[in-house]
Protein backbone atom coordinates (compact mmCIF):
# COMPACT_ATOMS: atom_id res chain seq x y z
CA MET A 1 32.60 10.25 184.38
CA ASN A 2 33.33 7.32 186.90
CA CYS A 3 36.55 5.10 187.34
CA LYS A 4 34.45 2.36 186.98
CA ASP A 5 33.34 3.34 183.54
CA CYS A 6 37.24 3.10 182.54
CA SER A 7 36.95 -0.61 182.18
CA ALA A 8 34.44 -0.36 179.46
CA ILE A 9 36.77 -0.16 176.50
CA GLU A 10 35.57 -2.88 174.18
CA PRO A 11 37.22 -3.49 170.81
CA VAL A 12 34.76 -2.68 168.27
CA GLU A 13 33.86 -6.02 166.12
CA ASP A 14 31.98 -6.14 161.98
CA GLU A 15 28.80 -6.83 163.97
CA GLY A 16 26.56 -4.57 166.34
CA GLU A 17 24.86 -1.93 167.27
CA ILE A 18 25.45 2.24 167.99
CA ARG A 19 23.22 3.36 170.61
CA PHE A 20 22.84 7.13 170.92
CA ARG A 21 21.60 9.97 172.37
CA PRO A 22 19.51 12.47 173.09
CA PHE A 23 16.83 10.44 170.43
CA THR A 24 14.66 13.91 169.34
CA PHE A 25 11.90 13.38 166.63
CA VAL A 26 13.75 15.82 164.62
CA LEU A 27 16.83 13.05 164.95
CA ALA A 28 14.59 10.30 164.21
CA SER A 29 12.71 12.66 161.36
CA ALA A 30 16.13 13.05 159.98
CA LEU A 31 17.15 9.47 159.99
CA ARG A 32 14.23 7.69 158.05
CA ALA A 33 15.00 10.85 155.61
CA ALA A 34 17.99 9.04 154.92
CA GLY A 35 16.96 5.57 154.59
CA VAL A 36 18.63 4.21 158.16
CA GLU A 37 16.56 1.49 160.01
CA PHE A 38 16.65 2.19 163.66
CA ALA A 39 14.73 2.08 167.22
CA GLY A 40 13.77 4.18 170.34
CA THR A 41 13.03 4.34 173.40
CA LYS A 42 12.35 7.74 175.97
CA ASN A 43 15.86 9.25 175.07
CA THR A 44 17.72 6.97 173.63
CA GLY A 45 18.24 5.36 169.76
CA LYS A 46 19.54 2.09 168.11
CA ILE A 47 21.22 1.37 165.06
CA THR A 48 22.55 -1.80 164.04
CA TYR A 49 25.14 -2.12 161.54
CA THR A 50 26.57 -5.77 159.94
CA SER A 51 30.63 -4.55 158.66
CA ARG A 52 33.01 -2.03 160.16
CA GLU A 53 32.75 -0.51 156.66
CA ALA A 54 28.97 0.44 157.65
CA LEU A 55 29.83 1.40 161.19
CA PHE A 56 32.24 4.54 159.65
CA ASP A 57 29.33 4.98 157.19
CA LEU A 58 26.71 5.30 160.52
CA LEU A 59 29.27 7.69 162.16
CA LYS A 60 30.11 10.04 158.95
CA LEU A 61 25.88 10.44 158.60
CA LEU A 62 25.35 10.91 162.57
CA ASN A 63 28.03 14.21 162.33
CA LEU A 64 26.28 15.26 159.41
CA LEU A 65 22.83 15.04 160.90
CA GLN A 66 24.97 16.64 164.24
CA LYS A 67 26.20 19.61 162.72
CA GLN A 68 22.68 20.08 160.24
CA LEU A 69 20.71 20.05 163.59
CA ASP A 70 23.07 21.98 166.35
CA ASN A 71 23.02 19.00 168.59
CA SER A 72 25.32 16.96 169.86
CA LEU A 73 25.44 13.37 170.13
CA GLU A 74 26.78 11.00 172.40
CA LEU A 75 27.12 7.85 171.70
CA CYS A 76 27.67 3.89 172.74
CA ILE A 77 28.51 1.14 170.63
CA ASN A 78 28.16 -2.38 171.47
CA SER A 79 29.77 -5.09 169.77
CA LYS A 80 27.65 -7.98 168.62
CA THR A 81 29.70 -10.13 171.45
CA GLY A 82 30.10 -7.73 173.72
CA LYS A 83 26.61 -6.96 174.91
CA GLY A 84 25.90 -7.43 178.69
CA SER A 85 29.57 -5.27 179.26
CA ALA A 86 29.58 -1.74 181.16
CA GLU A 87 28.46 0.96 178.90
CA ARG A 88 30.98 3.47 177.79
CA TRP A 89 29.41 6.29 176.33
CA VAL A 90 31.09 8.90 174.59
CA SER A 91 30.91 11.75 172.21
CA LEU A 92 30.64 11.32 168.52
CA ASP A 93 33.87 13.64 168.14
CA GLN A 94 35.78 11.45 170.59
CA LEU A 95 34.68 8.49 168.48
CA GLU A 96 36.13 9.96 165.53
CA ILE A 97 39.33 10.39 167.09
CA ARG A 98 38.99 6.74 168.16
CA PHE A 99 38.43 5.41 164.95
CA ALA A 100 41.16 7.54 163.05
CA ASN A 101 43.59 5.62 165.45
CA ASP A 102 42.41 2.23 165.32
CA ASN A 103 45.79 1.05 165.74
CA LEU A 104 46.69 3.27 168.81
CA ILE A 105 43.20 2.42 170.27
CA SER A 106 43.44 -1.17 169.74
CA ILE A 107 46.78 -1.05 171.99
CA ILE A 108 44.64 0.36 175.08
CA SER A 109 41.80 -1.42 174.84
CA ASN A 110 44.18 -5.05 175.06
CA HIS A 111 46.81 -3.87 177.09
CA ASP A 112 49.44 -3.94 174.13
CA PHE A 113 52.61 -2.47 176.22
CA THR A 114 55.42 -3.03 178.81
CA SER A 115 57.36 -1.54 181.33
CA HIS A 116 60.75 -0.61 181.35
CA MET A 117 63.16 0.47 183.52
CA GLN A 118 65.65 3.62 184.23
CA PRO A 119 68.18 3.65 187.37
CA ILE A 120 67.83 5.96 189.49
CA VAL A 121 71.41 6.69 191.71
CA ASN A 122 72.53 8.53 194.95
CA PHE A 123 75.92 9.76 195.25
CA ASN A 124 78.31 6.79 195.00
CA GLU A 125 76.54 6.12 191.62
CA GLU A 126 74.55 3.46 194.01
CA ILE A 127 70.88 2.38 192.18
CA ILE A 128 68.35 3.14 195.10
CA GLY A 129 65.72 2.79 192.76
CA PHE A 130 63.80 2.51 188.84
CA GLU A 131 61.43 4.70 187.15
CA LEU A 132 59.28 2.71 185.61
CA LEU A 133 57.52 3.95 181.96
CA LEU A 134 55.39 2.76 179.89
CA ARG A 135 56.87 0.92 176.20
CA PRO A 136 55.96 -1.30 173.35
CA LEU A 137 55.74 -5.06 173.87
CA PRO A 138 59.19 -6.04 172.01
CA GLN A 139 56.98 -8.12 169.07
CA GLY A 140 54.13 -5.31 169.14
CA SER A 141 52.82 -2.60 167.91
CA VAL A 142 55.30 0.25 167.96
CA PHE A 143 54.20 3.83 169.73
CA GLN A 144 55.43 6.57 170.78
CA PRO A 145 54.15 6.77 174.94
CA TYR A 146 53.02 10.19 174.85
CA GLU A 147 51.27 9.81 171.63
CA LEU A 148 49.45 7.14 173.52
CA PHE A 149 48.52 8.90 176.04
CA GLU A 150 47.16 12.45 174.36
CA LEU A 151 45.23 9.57 171.98
CA ALA A 152 43.90 8.29 175.26
CA ARG A 153 43.20 11.63 176.49
CA GLN A 154 41.21 13.15 172.99
CA THR A 155 38.91 9.89 173.92
CA GLY A 156 38.34 9.66 176.66
CA PHE A 157 40.29 6.29 177.56
CA HIS A 158 42.74 8.52 179.84
CA SER A 159 41.84 6.63 182.92
CA PHE A 160 41.65 3.50 181.83
CA LEU A 161 45.56 3.70 179.68
CA ASP A 162 46.39 5.37 183.23
CA ARG A 163 45.19 2.75 185.47
CA ALA A 164 46.67 0.34 183.39
CA ALA A 165 50.54 1.12 183.21
CA ARG A 166 50.14 1.65 187.22
CA ILE A 167 49.74 -1.53 187.63
CA SER A 168 52.07 -2.78 184.79
CA ALA A 169 54.88 -1.25 186.38
CA ILE A 170 53.49 -2.34 189.94
CA GLU A 171 54.01 -6.57 188.40
CA THR A 172 57.08 -5.48 186.39
CA SER A 173 58.80 -4.25 189.63
CA ALA A 174 57.65 -6.86 191.76
CA ARG A 175 59.03 -9.70 188.83
CA LEU A 176 62.05 -8.17 188.38
CA LEU A 177 63.11 -6.15 191.54
CA PRO A 178 64.39 -6.86 194.92
CA LYS A 179 62.52 -5.12 198.16
CA GLY A 180 63.91 -2.37 199.24
CA ILE A 181 64.74 -0.65 195.71
CA LYS A 182 62.25 2.46 195.12
CA ARG A 183 59.64 1.97 192.15
CA PHE A 184 59.09 5.56 190.81
CA ILE A 185 55.66 5.44 188.88
CA ASN A 186 54.11 7.91 186.77
CA PHE A 187 50.21 8.58 187.53
CA LEU A 188 48.21 11.58 185.86
CA PRO A 189 45.87 13.64 188.08
CA SER A 190 43.15 13.77 185.71
CA SER A 191 42.63 10.17 185.71
CA ILE A 192 42.25 9.92 189.26
CA TYR A 193 38.62 11.31 189.74
CA ASN A 194 37.79 9.74 193.71
CA PRO A 195 40.85 9.02 195.11
CA SER A 196 39.49 7.22 197.52
CA PHE A 197 37.83 4.46 195.14
CA CYS A 198 40.28 5.00 191.87
CA LEU A 199 43.52 3.92 193.59
CA THR A 200 42.27 0.51 195.03
CA HIS A 201 43.20 -1.27 191.90
CA THR A 202 46.93 -0.04 193.00
CA PHE A 203 46.62 -0.63 196.24
CA GLU A 204 45.05 -3.96 195.90
CA ALA A 205 48.11 -4.75 193.13
CA ILE A 206 50.67 -4.07 195.83
CA THR A 207 49.22 -5.87 198.09
CA ARG A 208 48.32 -9.31 195.46
CA LEU A 209 51.79 -9.26 194.88
CA ASP A 210 53.08 -8.48 198.36
CA GLN A 211 55.36 -5.50 198.01
CA ASP A 212 55.87 -3.04 200.30
CA PRO A 213 54.44 -0.11 200.01
CA GLU A 214 57.14 2.15 200.89
CA ASP A 215 59.01 0.75 198.18
CA PHE A 216 56.41 2.86 195.89
CA VAL A 217 56.99 6.51 194.94
CA PHE A 218 54.18 7.59 192.90
CA GLU A 219 54.91 11.00 190.64
CA VAL A 220 53.13 13.33 189.08
CA VAL A 221 54.00 14.12 185.16
CA GLU A 222 54.54 16.98 183.56
CA THR A 223 51.97 17.15 180.64
CA GLU A 224 49.17 17.97 182.84
CA ARG A 225 48.08 21.29 184.33
CA ILE A 226 47.38 21.12 188.00
CA ASP A 227 44.29 24.16 188.44
CA ASP A 228 42.93 21.99 191.11
CA MET A 229 45.56 21.77 193.57
CA ARG A 230 42.89 20.71 196.84
CA HIS A 231 42.21 17.52 194.57
CA LEU A 232 45.63 16.76 193.72
CA GLN A 233 46.78 17.03 197.58
CA ALA A 234 44.00 14.58 198.13
CA ILE A 235 45.93 12.22 196.18
CA PHE A 236 48.63 12.71 197.77
CA THR A 237 47.01 12.17 201.11
CA GLU A 238 45.48 8.80 199.66
CA TYR A 239 49.04 7.50 198.91
CA ARG A 240 50.73 8.85 201.83
CA LYS A 241 48.11 6.87 203.65
CA GLN A 242 48.95 3.68 202.39
CA GLY A 243 52.90 4.20 203.20
CA MET A 244 54.03 5.36 199.96
CA ARG A 245 55.44 8.73 198.94
CA VAL A 246 54.63 10.76 196.66
CA ALA A 247 57.19 13.17 193.78
CA LEU A 248 56.25 16.05 191.51
CA ASP A 249 57.81 15.24 187.90
CA ASP A 250 59.90 18.13 186.03
CA VAL A 251 60.36 20.69 188.27
CA GLY A 252 60.99 23.99 186.90
CA ALA A 253 59.69 23.51 183.57
CA GLY A 254 56.17 23.14 181.69
CA TYR A 255 53.34 23.09 184.10
CA SER A 256 55.55 21.99 187.51
CA THR A 257 56.63 25.57 188.56
CA VAL A 258 58.65 26.11 191.75
CA GLU A 259 55.44 27.27 192.95
CA VAL A 260 53.34 24.31 192.46
CA MET A 261 56.17 22.02 194.26
CA SER A 262 56.44 24.46 197.05
CA SER A 263 52.38 24.13 197.31
CA LEU A 264 52.41 20.20 197.14
CA GLN A 265 55.31 19.67 198.97
CA PRO A 266 56.13 16.53 197.23
CA ASP A 267 58.55 13.93 199.18
CA TYR A 268 61.02 14.24 196.12
CA VAL A 269 61.19 16.56 193.79
CA LYS A 270 62.77 15.72 190.41
CA ILE A 271 64.26 18.80 187.90
CA ASP A 272 63.92 18.94 184.74
CA ARG A 273 66.36 17.48 182.05
CA ALA A 274 66.31 20.84 180.34
CA LEU A 275 67.70 22.66 183.86
CA ILE A 276 69.98 19.89 184.44
CA SER A 277 71.59 20.09 180.52
CA TYR A 278 75.16 21.55 180.95
CA CYS A 279 74.29 22.73 184.26
CA ASP A 280 77.97 23.26 184.84
CA GLN A 281 78.43 25.62 182.52
CA ASP A 282 75.35 27.69 183.16
CA THR A 283 74.78 30.47 185.88
CA VAL A 284 71.54 31.34 184.93
CA LYS A 285 70.42 27.36 185.54
CA GLN A 286 72.47 27.10 188.59
CA LYS A 287 70.34 30.12 189.86
CA ALA A 288 67.46 28.33 189.25
CA ILE A 289 68.55 25.16 190.55
CA ASN A 290 69.55 26.35 193.70
CA ASP A 291 66.17 28.03 194.29
CA ILE A 292 64.73 24.65 193.72
CA LEU A 293 67.21 23.34 195.95
CA ASN A 294 66.64 25.63 198.56
CA ARG A 295 62.70 25.50 198.55
CA ALA A 296 62.41 21.70 198.66
CA SER A 297 65.32 21.45 201.45
CA ALA A 298 62.73 23.77 203.36
CA PHE A 299 59.79 20.83 204.05
CA GLY A 300 62.46 18.25 203.79
CA ALA A 301 61.95 16.79 200.07
CA GLU A 302 65.17 14.57 198.60
CA ILE A 303 66.24 16.28 195.66
CA LEU A 304 66.72 14.49 192.29
CA ALA A 305 68.25 15.77 188.95
CA GLU A 306 67.16 14.14 186.04
CA GLY A 307 68.24 13.78 182.43
CA ILE A 308 72.30 13.56 183.17
CA GLU A 309 74.03 12.61 179.91
CA ARG A 310 77.39 13.97 181.22
CA ARG A 311 79.18 13.56 184.07
CA GLU A 312 80.17 17.22 184.83
CA GLU A 313 76.80 17.76 185.18
CA PHE A 314 76.58 14.95 187.98
CA LEU A 315 79.30 16.58 189.59
CA TYR A 316 78.41 19.66 189.73
CA CYS A 317 74.44 18.24 191.15
CA ARG A 318 76.55 16.22 193.34
CA ASP A 319 78.72 19.04 194.67
CA ILE A 320 75.74 21.56 195.87
CA GLY A 321 73.38 18.91 197.42
CA ILE A 322 71.67 16.96 195.35
CA LEU A 323 71.92 13.13 196.19
CA LEU A 324 69.93 11.67 193.20
CA GLY A 325 70.57 11.37 189.64
CA GLN A 326 68.69 9.75 187.06
CA GLY A 327 69.48 9.80 183.17
CA TYR A 328 71.43 7.98 180.06
CA LEU A 329 74.72 8.45 181.93
CA PHE A 330 73.45 5.85 184.77
CA GLY A 331 71.49 3.70 181.87
CA LYS A 332 68.36 4.03 179.29
CA PRO A 333 65.22 2.39 180.05
CA GLU A 334 65.15 -1.20 179.42
CA ASP A 335 63.13 -4.52 180.03
CA LYS A 336 65.59 -5.42 182.80
CA PRO A 337 67.91 -3.90 185.43
CA PRO A 338 71.38 -3.66 184.33
CA ALA A 339 73.79 -6.40 185.06
CA SER A 340 76.66 -3.68 185.74
CA PHE A 341 75.04 -1.94 189.00
CA GLY A 342 74.89 -3.68 192.09
CA PHE A 343 71.64 -3.44 194.46
CA ILE A 344 71.45 -1.89 197.60
CA ALA A 345 68.21 -1.95 200.24
């Protein structure tokens, strides 16, 4: 799949056509026996539908035939008013997940989301930046961000959603934040197949909105296992070529291990909240935090403690040399900057 496919998500309408491949003689015979009208050319078949119920029935039939014939099918759905748009081929299994979660898919397709901001402070508790996080629109459909990204991954739409979320974060920060304030924006490595192409939309948005590239920090989220270190390094290189910085999120838990951190050498290292919680009282956590601090300091990374909820945690981190903090102690994600903090450039 190529990044340009990610813009091809169309809302499914009540009339349209299903295209499917491979279109074999055996499959054609099975469809004819089931009383389904179809057309076919070369390796691709086509069936029209006139209602959403008819579409669901066709998907059930194709799924049954797929199992009987032991043949994996790919499908492309063209809505009646959407013909001529870019093709989006997905597996039948992906389509079943899609239609089982139609409301969430609609959120992804229609960009029914916004970005909230959580403050990042220095050791003087002055805001130096914000992490921008995907959230529902005030009057829109409710969703959990992780659930939305997981569904997007299962249905093959995660590149589309990840890019749209990055653009939303850039636009929100441009509208609400002064220049000189850092903006931490998440990205999924698996959504960026070709860094020099896939990131052009991100860079174009920053240029279009007259933003300073040095204000942006793009961070790898913890939800994906990092198997291809060279690919991620290539992504980091592309961001840095444009004057931006990169971060590794949730270090010390999940997939963001200390070894991964040492290999990638990001500009910012964000220590996972599981290690920060009650770190002032836990010698095991203190040892792990100090290990991260020592290794990250060796390649010049700035360290940020995530999930700070108690002042004792903040004071402990500050005392051992961690100069940046984030968590509910300083503010929850909101749709605008908190009035109680003064900005510093």
